């Protein structure tokens, strides 16, 4: 099971940056294109309490935020902790 989910659109450069960082950090993720999948859009709204921007990222079903929050977690070492825990 993939632990990281990225809710994004096809024309979002910040989404591309978030996915590139995850790949650089060797973190596997599942991509959900909310511009192509209404169920993914509904799931994103539920997980994020109605966030309207992308990317939105979850780890183990817990919403961590977007690109800025992802990089902050990484810089603070908290992303490594999240990925090491089961």
PDB file of N, CA and C in Angstrom:
ATOM      1  N   UNK A   1       0.837  -1.188   0.000  1.00  0.00           N
ATOM      2  CA  UNK A   1       0.000   0.000   0.000  1.00  0.00           C
ATOM      3  C   UNK A   1       0.878   1.246   0.000  1.00  0.00           C
ATOM      4  N   UNK A   2       0.546   2.175  -0.855  1.00  0.00           N
ATOM      5  CA  UNK A   2       1.266   3.437  -0.917  1.00  0.00           C
ATOM      6  C   UNK A   2       0.829   4.322   0.240  1.00  0.00           C
ATOM      7  N   UNK A   3       1.791   4.840   0.947  1.00  0.00           N
ATOM      8  CA  UNK A   3       1.500   5.630   2.140  1.00  0.00           C
ATOM      9  C   UNK A   3       1.276   7.100   1.832  1.00  0.00           C
ATOM     10  N   UNK A   4       1.837   7.586   0.714  1.00  0.00           N
ATOM     11  CA  UNK A   4       1.750   9.002   0.371  1.00  0.00           C
ATOM     12  C   UNK A   4       0.833   9.159  -0.839  1.00  0.00           C
ATOM     13  N   UNK A   5      -0.130  10.054  -0.711  1.00  0.00           N
ATOM     14  CA  UNK A   5      -1.025  10.384  -1.819  1.00  0.00           C
ATOM     15  C   UNK A   5      -0.852  11.851  -2.161  1.00  0.00           C
ATOM     16  N   UNK A   6      -0.799  12.132  -3.463  1.00  0.00           N
ATOM     17  CA  UNK A   6      -0.685  13.497  -3.946  1.00  0.00           C
ATOM     18  C   UNK A   6      -1.906  13.789  -4.808  1.00  0.00           C
ATOM     19  N   UNK A   7      -2.705  14.740  -4.375  1.00  0.00           N
ATOM     20  CA  UNK A   7      -3.868  15.191  -5.139  1.00  0.00           C
ATOM     21  C   UNK A   7      -3.413  16.384  -5.963  1.00  0.00           C
ATOM     22  N   UNK A   8      -3.592  16.293  -7.289  1.00  0.00           N
ATOM     23  CA  UNK A   8      -3.026  17.306  -8.163  1.00  0.00           C
ATOM     24  C   UNK A   8      -3.861  17.456  -9.434  1.00  0.00           C
ATOM     25  N   UNK A   9      -3.414  18.373 -10.278  1.00  0.00           N
ATOM     26  CA  UNK A   9      -3.990  18.536 -11.610  1.00  0.00           C
ATOM     27  C   UNK A   9      -2.863  18.391 -12.626  1.00  0.00           C
ATOM     28  N   UNK A  10      -3.230  18.264 -13.877  1.00  0.00           N
ATOM     29  CA  UNK A  10      -2.242  18.048 -14.924  1.00  0.00           C
ATOM     30  C   UNK A  10      -1.458  19.279 -15.320  1.00  0.00           C
ATOM     31  N   UNK A  11      -1.950  20.462 -14.984  1.00  0.00           N
ATOM     32  CA  UNK A  11      -1.275  21.686 -15.423  1.00  0.00           C
ATOM     33  C   UNK A  11      -0.771  22.532 -14.249  1.00  0.00           C
ATOM     34  N   UNK A  12      -0.307  21.863 -13.212  1.00  0.00           N
ATOM     35  CA  UNK A  12       0.120  22.544 -11.992  1.00  0.00           C
ATOM     36  C   UNK A  12       1.628  22.394 -11.803  1.00  0.00           C
ATOM     37  N   UNK A  13       2.403  23.468 -12.007  1.00  0.00           N
ATOM     38  CA  UNK A  13       3.853  23.356 -11.853  1.00  0.00           C
ATOM     39  C   UNK A  13       4.290  23.065 -10.413  1.00  0.00           C
ATOM     40  N   UNK A  14       3.535  23.533  -9.433  1.00  0.00           N
ATOM     41  CA  UNK A  14       3.882  23.259  -8.040  1.00  0.00           C
ATOM     42  C   UNK A  14       3.642  21.779  -7.731  1.00  0.00           C
ATOM     43  N   UNK A  15       2.606  21.198  -8.322  1.00  0.00           N
ATOM     44  CA  UNK A  15       2.364  19.759  -8.176  1.00  0.00           C
ATOM     45  C   UNK A  15       3.552  18.978  -8.738  1.00  0.00           C
ATOM     46  N   UNK A  16       4.031  19.405  -9.899  1.00  0.00           N
ATOM     47  CA  UNK A  16       5.182  18.745 -10.516  1.00  0.00           C
ATOM     48  C   UNK A  16       6.411  18.838  -9.610  1.00  0.00           C
ATOM     49  N   UNK A  17       6.602  19.988  -8.969  1.00  0.00           N
ATOM     50  CA  UNK A  17       7.733  20.158  -8.046  1.00  0.00           C
ATOM     51  C   UNK A  17       7.599  19.237  -6.841  1.00  0.00           C
ATOM     52  N   UNK A  18       6.400  19.133  -6.289  1.00  0.00           N
ATOM     53  CA  UNK A  18       6.180  18.263  -5.126  1.00  0.00           C
ATOM     54  C   UNK A  18       6.464  16.812  -5.501  1.00  0.00           C
ATOM     55  N   UNK A  19       5.979  16.371  -6.650  1.00  0.00           N
ATOM     56  CA  UNK A  19       6.215  14.993  -7.087  1.00  0.00           C
ATOM     57  C   UNK A  19       7.694  14.751  -7.364  1.00  0.00           C
ATOM     58  N   UNK A  20       8.381  15.748  -7.938  1.00  0.00           N
ATOM     59  CA  UNK A  20       9.816  15.611  -8.206  1.00  0.00           C
ATOM     60  C   UNK A  20      10.606  15.483  -6.902  1.00  0.00           C
ATOM     61  N   UNK A  21      10.219  16.258  -5.889  1.00  0.00           N
ATOM     62  CA  UNK A  21      10.897  16.153  -4.593  1.00  0.00           C
ATOM     63  C   UNK A  21      10.680  14.789  -3.966  1.00  0.00           C
ATOM     64  N   UNK A  22       9.451  14.296  -4.023  1.00  0.00           N
ATOM     65  CA  UNK A  22       9.184  12.967  -3.474  1.00  0.00           C
ATOM     66  C   UNK A  22      10.033  11.913  -4.184  1.00  0.00           C
ATOM     67  N   UNK A  23      10.142  12.029  -5.485  1.00  0.00           N
ATOM     68  CA  UNK A  23      10.971  11.085  -6.248  1.00  0.00           C
ATOM     69  C   UNK A  23      12.436  11.228  -5.852  1.00  0.00           C
ATOM     70  N   UNK A  24      12.913  12.464  -5.704  1.00  0.00           N
ATOM     71  CA  UNK A  24      14.301  12.703  -5.304  1.00  0.00           C
ATOM     72  C   UNK A  24      14.582  12.086  -3.940  1.00  0.00           C
ATOM     73  N   UNK A  25      13.613  12.181  -3.037  1.00  0.00           N
ATOM     74  CA  UNK A  25      13.774  11.642  -1.687  1.00  0.00           C
ATOM     75  C   UNK A  25      13.446  10.148  -1.628  1.00  0.00           C
ATOM     76  N   UNK A  26      13.167   9.557  -2.805  1.00  0.00           N
ATOM     77  CA  UNK A  26      12.859   8.123  -2.927  1.00  0.00           C
ATOM     78  C   UNK A  26      11.646   7.709  -2.091  1.00  0.00           C
ATOM     79  N   UNK A  27      10.647   8.576  -2.118  1.00  0.00           N
ATOM     80  CA  UNK A  27       9.383   8.296  -1.434  1.00  0.00           C
ATOM     81  C   UNK A  27       8.352   7.980  -2.507  1.00  0.00           C
ATOM     82  N   UNK A  28       7.820   6.774  -2.475  1.00  0.00           N
ATOM     83  CA  UNK A  28       6.800   6.411  -3.451  1.00  0.00           C
ATOM     84  C   UNK A  28       5.482   7.077  -3.072  1.00  0.00           C
ATOM     85  N   UNK A  29       4.718   7.404  -4.084  1.00  0.00           N
ATOM     86  CA  UNK A  29       3.443   8.068  -3.868  1.00  0.00           C
ATOM     87  C   UNK A  29       2.457   7.627  -4.926  1.00  0.00           C
ATOM     88  N   UNK A  30       1.194   7.856  -4.610  1.00  0.00           N
ATOM     89  CA  UNK A  30       0.137   7.617  -5.587  1.00  0.00           C
ATOM     90  C   UNK A  30      -0.435   8.973  -5.964  1.00  0.00           C
ATOM     91  N   UNK A  31      -0.581   9.186  -7.239  1.00  0.00           N
ATOM     92  CA  UNK A  31      -1.084  10.460  -7.757  1.00  0.00           C
ATOM     93  C   UNK A  31      -2.578  10.343  -8.045  1.00  0.00           C
ATOM     94  N   UNK A  32      -3.328  11.333  -7.595  1.00  0.00           N
ATOM     95  CA  UNK A  32      -4.760  11.414  -7.876  1.00  0.00           C
ATOM     96  C   UNK A  32      -5.021  12.715  -8.611  1.00  0.00           C
ATOM     97  N   UNK A  33      -5.419  12.595  -9.864  1.00  0.00           N
ATOM     98  CA  UNK A  33      -5.693  13.773 -10.693  1.00  0.00           C
ATOM     99  C   UNK A  33      -7.128  14.224 -10.461  1.00  0.00           C
ATOM    100  N   UNK A  34      -7.285  15.289  -9.700  1.00  0.00           N
ATOM    101  CA  UNK A  34      -8.632  15.761  -9.383  1.00  0.00           C
ATOM    102  C   UNK A  34      -9.312  16.416 -10.572  1.00  0.00           C
ATOM    103  N   UNK A  35      -8.541  16.776 -11.605  1.00  0.00           N
ATOM    104  CA  UNK A  35      -9.130  17.348 -12.805  1.00  0.00           C
ATOM    105  C   UNK A  35      -9.694  16.271 -13.729  1.00  0.00           C
ATOM    106  N   UNK A  36      -9.401  15.022 -13.446  1.00  0.00           N
ATOM    107  CA  UNK A  36      -9.890  13.918 -14.275  1.00  0.00           C
ATOM    108  C   UNK A  36     -10.768  12.941 -13.507  1.00  0.00           C
ATOM    109  N   UNK A  37     -10.799  13.061 -12.199  1.00  0.00           N
ATOM    110  CA  UNK A  37     -11.480  12.062 -11.389  1.00  0.00           C
ATOM    111  C   UNK A  37     -12.288  12.755 -10.284  1.00  0.00           C
ATOM    112  N   UNK A  38     -13.597  12.773 -10.461  1.00  0.00           N
ATOM    113  CA  UNK A  38     -14.478  13.435  -9.485  1.00  0.00           C
ATOM    114  C   UNK A  38     -14.427  12.763  -8.113  1.00  0.00           C
ATOM    115  N   UNK A  39     -14.237  11.444  -8.077  1.00  0.00           N
ATOM    116  CA  UNK A  39     -14.124  10.749  -6.789  1.00  0.00           C
ATOM    117  C   UNK A  39     -12.871  11.208  -6.043  1.00  0.00           C
ATOM    118  N   UNK A  40     -11.785  11.413  -6.776  1.00  0.00           N
ATOM    119  CA  UNK A  40     -10.548  11.904  -6.151  1.00  0.00           C
ATOM    120  C   UNK A  40     -10.751  13.319  -5.620  1.00  0.00           C
ATOM    121  N   UNK A  41     -11.479  14.128  -6.360  1.00  0.00           N
ATOM    122  CA  UNK A  41     -11.772  15.493  -5.909  1.00  0.00           C
ATOM    123  C   UNK A  41     -12.586  15.473  -4.618  1.00  0.00           C
ATOM    124  N   UNK A  42     -13.605  14.628  -4.576  1.00  0.00           N
ATOM    125  CA  UNK A  42     -14.413  14.507  -3.354  1.00  0.00           C
ATOM    126  C   UNK A  42     -13.573  14.012  -2.174  1.00  0.00           C
ATOM    127  N   UNK A  43     -12.718  13.030  -2.438  1.00  0.00           N
ATOM    128  CA  UNK A  43     -11.851  12.499  -1.377  1.00  0.00           C
ATOM    129  C   UNK A  43     -10.913  13.583  -0.860  1.00  0.00           C
ATOM    130  N   UNK A  44     -10.354  14.384  -1.773  1.00  0.00           N
ATOM    131  CA  UNK A  44      -9.468  15.466  -1.359  1.00  0.00           C
ATOM    132  C   UNK A  44     -10.210  16.463  -0.486  1.00  0.00           C
ATOM    133  N   UNK A  45     -11.421  16.839  -0.897  1.00  0.00           N
ATOM    134  CA  UNK A  45     -12.213  17.779  -0.104  1.00  0.00           C
ATOM    135  C   UNK A  45     -12.472  17.243   1.295  1.00  0.00           C
ATOM    136  N   UNK A  46     -12.791  15.963   1.392  1.00  0.00           N
ATOM    137  CA  UNK A  46     -13.063  15.359   2.699  1.00  0.00           C
ATOM    138  C   UNK A  46     -11.817  15.321   3.574  1.00  0.00           C
ATOM    139  N   UNK A  47     -10.691  14.921   2.994  1.00  0.00           N
ATOM    140  CA  UNK A  47      -9.451  14.800   3.759  1.00  0.00           C
ATOM    141  C   UNK A  47      -8.910  16.146   4.219  1.00  0.00           C
ATOM    142  N   UNK A  48      -9.157  17.181   3.431  1.00  0.00           N
ATOM    143  CA  UNK A  48      -8.545  18.487   3.695  1.00  0.00           C
ATOM    144  C   UNK A  48      -9.517  19.515   4.234  1.00  0.00           C
ATOM    145  N   UNK A  49     -10.730  19.099   4.547  1.00  0.00           N
ATOM    146  CA  UNK A  49     -11.774  20.037   5.002  1.00  0.00           C
ATOM    147  C   UNK A  49     -12.049  21.122   3.972  1.00  0.00           C
ATOM    148  N   UNK A  50     -12.007  20.741   2.700  1.00  0.00           N
ATOM    149  CA  UNK A  50     -12.418  21.644   1.632  1.00  0.00           C
ATOM    150  C   UNK A  50     -11.324  22.457   0.977  1.00  0.00           C
ATOM    151  N   UNK A  51     -10.083  22.036   1.049  1.00  0.00           N
ATOM    152  CA  UNK A  51      -8.994  22.779   0.396  1.00  0.00           C
ATOM    153  C   UNK A  51      -9.283  22.913  -1.093  1.00  0.00           C
ATOM    154  N   UNK A  52      -8.944  24.053  -1.650  1.00  0.00           N
ATOM    155  CA  UNK A  52      -9.232  24.310  -3.057  1.00  0.00           C
ATOM    156  C   UNK A  52      -7.973  24.496  -3.905  1.00  0.00           C
ATOM    157  N   UNK A  53      -6.811  24.293  -3.318  1.00  0.00           N
ATOM    158  CA  UNK A  53      -5.569  24.423  -4.070  1.00  0.00           C
ATOM    159  C   UNK A  53      -4.875  23.070  -4.141  1.00  0.00           C
ATOM    160  N   UNK A  54      -4.004  22.941  -5.123  1.00  0.00           N
ATOM    161  CA  UNK A  54      -3.209  21.733  -5.271  1.00  0.00           C
ATOM    162  C   UNK A  54      -1.743  22.135  -5.335  1.00  0.00           C
ATOM    163  N   UNK A  55      -0.855  21.237  -4.965  1.00  0.00           N
ATOM    164  CA  UNK A  55      -1.106  19.880  -4.516  1.00  0.00           C
ATOM    165  C   UNK A  55      -1.592  19.831  -3.078  1.00  0.00           C
ATOM    166  N   UNK A  56      -2.276  18.760  -2.759  1.00  0.00           N
ATOM    167  CA  UNK A  56      -2.617  18.418  -1.379  1.00  0.00           C
ATOM    168  C   UNK A  56      -2.033  17.031  -1.152  1.00  0.00           C
ATOM    169  N   UNK A  57      -1.353  16.861  -0.031  1.00  0.00           N
ATOM    170  CA  UNK A  57      -0.592  15.641   0.209  1.00  0.00           C
ATOM    171  C   UNK A  57      -1.027  15.007   1.522  1.00  0.00           C
ATOM    172  N   UNK A  58      -1.194  13.689   1.488  1.00  0.00           N
ATOM    173  CA  UNK A  58      -1.507  12.942   2.701  1.00  0.00           C
ATOM    174  C   UNK A  58      -0.457  11.860   2.914  1.00  0.00           C
ATOM    175  N   UNK A  59      -0.215  11.540   4.182  1.00  0.00           N
ATOM    176  CA  UNK A  59       0.656  10.429   4.558  1.00  0.00           C
ATOM    177  C   UNK A  59      -0.157   9.545   5.489  1.00  0.00           C
ATOM    178  N   UNK A  60      -0.318   8.301   5.107  1.00  0.00           N
ATOM    179  CA  UNK A  60      -1.120   7.349   5.879  1.00  0.00           C
ATOM    180  C   UNK A  60      -2.526   7.893   6.146  1.00  0.00           C
ATOM    181  N   UNK A  61      -3.091   8.574   5.158  1.00  0.00           N
ATOM    182  CA  UNK A  61      -4.446   9.101   5.288  1.00  0.00           C
ATOM    183  C   UNK A  61      -4.552  10.382   6.092  1.00  0.00           C
ATOM    184  N   UNK A  62      -3.417  10.903   6.577  1.00  0.00           N
ATOM    185  CA  UNK A  62      -3.417  12.135   7.362  1.00  0.00           C
ATOM    186  C   UNK A  62      -2.935  13.275   6.481  1.00  0.00           C
ATOM    187  N   UNK A  63      -3.710  14.327   6.433  1.00  0.00           N
ATOM    188  CA  UNK A  63      -3.393  15.481   5.598  1.00  0.00           C
ATOM    189  C   UNK A  63      -2.204  16.229   6.168  1.00  0.00           C
ATOM    190  N   UNK A  64      -1.166  16.420   5.342  1.00  0.00           N
ATOM    191  CA  UNK A  64      -0.014  17.202   5.801  1.00  0.00           C
ATOM    192  C   UNK A  64       0.026  18.585   5.173  1.00  0.00           C
ATOM    193  N   UNK A  65      -0.740  18.815   4.103  1.00  0.00           N
ATOM    194  CA  UNK A  65      -0.775  20.123   3.457  1.00  0.00           C
ATOM    195  C   UNK A  65      -0.306  20.036   2.026  1.00  0.00           C
ATOM    196  N   UNK A  66       0.313  21.126   1.578  1.00  0.00           N
ATOM    197  CA  UNK A  66       0.758  21.217   0.195  1.00  0.00           C
ATOM    198  C   UNK A  66       2.270  21.192   0.069  1.00  0.00           C
ATOM    199  N   UNK A  67       2.774  21.829  -0.983  1.00  0.00           N
ATOM    200  CA  UNK A  67       4.201  21.830  -1.284  1.00  0.00           C
ATOM    201  C   UNK A  67       5.020  22.461  -0.163  1.00  0.00           C
ATOM    202  N   UNK A  68       4.590  23.600   0.335  1.00  0.00           N
ATOM    203  CA  UNK A  68       5.342  24.294   1.395  1.00  0.00           C
ATOM    204  C   UNK A  68       5.444  23.440   2.645  1.00  0.00           C
ATOM    205  N   UNK A  69       4.332  22.847   3.031  1.00  0.00           N
ATOM    206  CA  UNK A  69       4.326  22.004   4.232  1.00  0.00           C
ATOM    207  C   UNK A  69       5.190  20.761   4.043  1.00  0.00           C
ATOM    208  N   UNK A  70       5.168  20.210   2.832  1.00  0.00           N
ATOM    209  CA  UNK A  70       6.002  19.046   2.526  1.00  0.00           C
ATOM    210  C   UNK A  70       7.479  19.392   2.700  1.00  0.00           C
ATOM    211  N   UNK A  71       7.907  20.513   2.139  1.00  0.00           N
ATOM    212  CA  UNK A  71       9.319  20.882   2.243  1.00  0.00           C
ATOM    213  C   UNK A  71       9.692  21.236   3.676  1.00  0.00           C
ATOM    214  N   UNK A  72       8.793  21.867   4.411  1.00  0.00           N
ATOM    215  CA  UNK A  72       9.065  22.189   5.821  1.00  0.00           C
ATOM    216  C   UNK A  72       9.225  20.913   6.646  1.00  0.00           C
ATOM    217  N   UNK A  73       8.343  19.942   6.429  1.00  0.00           N
ATOM    218  CA  UNK A  73       8.461  18.664   7.134  1.00  0.00           C
ATOM    219  C   UNK A  73       9.810  18.016   6.845  1.00  0.00           C
ATOM    220  N   UNK A  74      10.227  18.084   5.584  1.00  0.00           N
ATOM    221  CA  UNK A  74      11.504  17.491   5.207  1.00  0.00           C
ATOM    222  C   UNK A  74      12.667  18.235   5.870  1.00  0.00           C
ATOM    223  N   UNK A  75      12.651  19.552   5.818  1.00  0.00           N
ATOM    224  CA  UNK A  75      13.742  20.338   6.395  1.00  0.00           C
ATOM    225  C   UNK A  75      13.832  20.157   7.905  1.00  0.00           C
ATOM    226  N   UNK A  76      12.710  19.950   8.563  1.00  0.00           N
ATOM    227  CA  UNK A  76      12.693  19.752  10.014  1.00  0.00           C
ATOM    228  C   UNK A  76      12.979  18.310  10.426  1.00  0.00           C
ATOM    229  N   UNK A  77      13.124  17.402   9.440  1.00  0.00           N
ATOM    230  CA  UNK A  77      13.386  16.003   9.733  1.00  0.00           C
ATOM    231  C   UNK A  77      12.138  15.211  10.089  1.00  0.00           C
ATOM    232  N   UNK A  78      10.997  15.871  10.091  1.00  0.00           N
ATOM    233  CA  UNK A  78       9.755  15.203  10.487  1.00  0.00           C
ATOM    234  C   UNK A  78       9.223  14.276   9.393  1.00  0.00           C
ATOM    235  N   UNK A  79       9.545  14.561   8.139  1.00  0.00           N
ATOM    236  CA  UNK A  79       9.095  13.691   7.054  1.00  0.00           C
ATOM    237  C   UNK A  79       9.775  12.322   7.166  1.00  0.00           C
ATOM    238  N   UNK A  80      11.065  12.335   7.476  1.00  0.00           N
ATOM    239  CA  UNK A  80      11.781  11.066   7.663  1.00  0.00           C
ATOM    240  C   UNK A  80      11.145  10.256   8.786  1.00  0.00           C
ATOM    241  N   UNK A  81      10.796  10.933   9.878  1.00  0.00           N
ATOM    242  CA  UNK A  81      10.149  10.264  11.002  1.00  0.00           C
ATOM    243  C   UNK A  81       8.812   9.652  10.584  1.00  0.00           C
ATOM    244  N   UNK A  82       8.039  10.422   9.816  1.00  0.00           N
ATOM    245  CA  UNK A  82       6.743   9.909   9.343  1.00  0.00           C
ATOM    246  C   UNK A  82       6.927   8.669   8.477  1.00  0.00           C
ATOM    247  N   UNK A  83       7.925   8.703   7.603  1.00  0.00           N
ATOM    248  CA  UNK A  83       8.128   7.608   6.672  1.00  0.00           C
ATOM    249  C   UNK A  83       8.726   6.376   7.359  1.00  0.00           C
ATOM    250  N   UNK A  84       9.445   6.576   8.460  1.00  0.00           N
ATOM    251  CA  UNK A  84      10.018   5.452   9.184  1.00  0.00           C
ATOM    252  C   UNK A  84       9.001   4.748  10.071  1.00  0.00           C
ATOM    253  N   UNK A  85       8.008   5.501  10.535  1.00  0.00           N
ATOM    254  CA  UNK A  85       6.998   4.906  11.429  1.00  0.00           C
ATOM    255  C   UNK A  85       6.020   4.070  10.613  1.00  0.00           C
ATOM    256  N   UNK A  86       5.478   3.055  11.258  1.00  0.00           N
ATOM    257  CA  UNK A  86       4.466   2.208  10.593  1.00  0.00           C
ATOM    258  C   UNK A  86       3.174   2.265  11.340  1.00  0.00           C
TER     259      UNK A  86
END
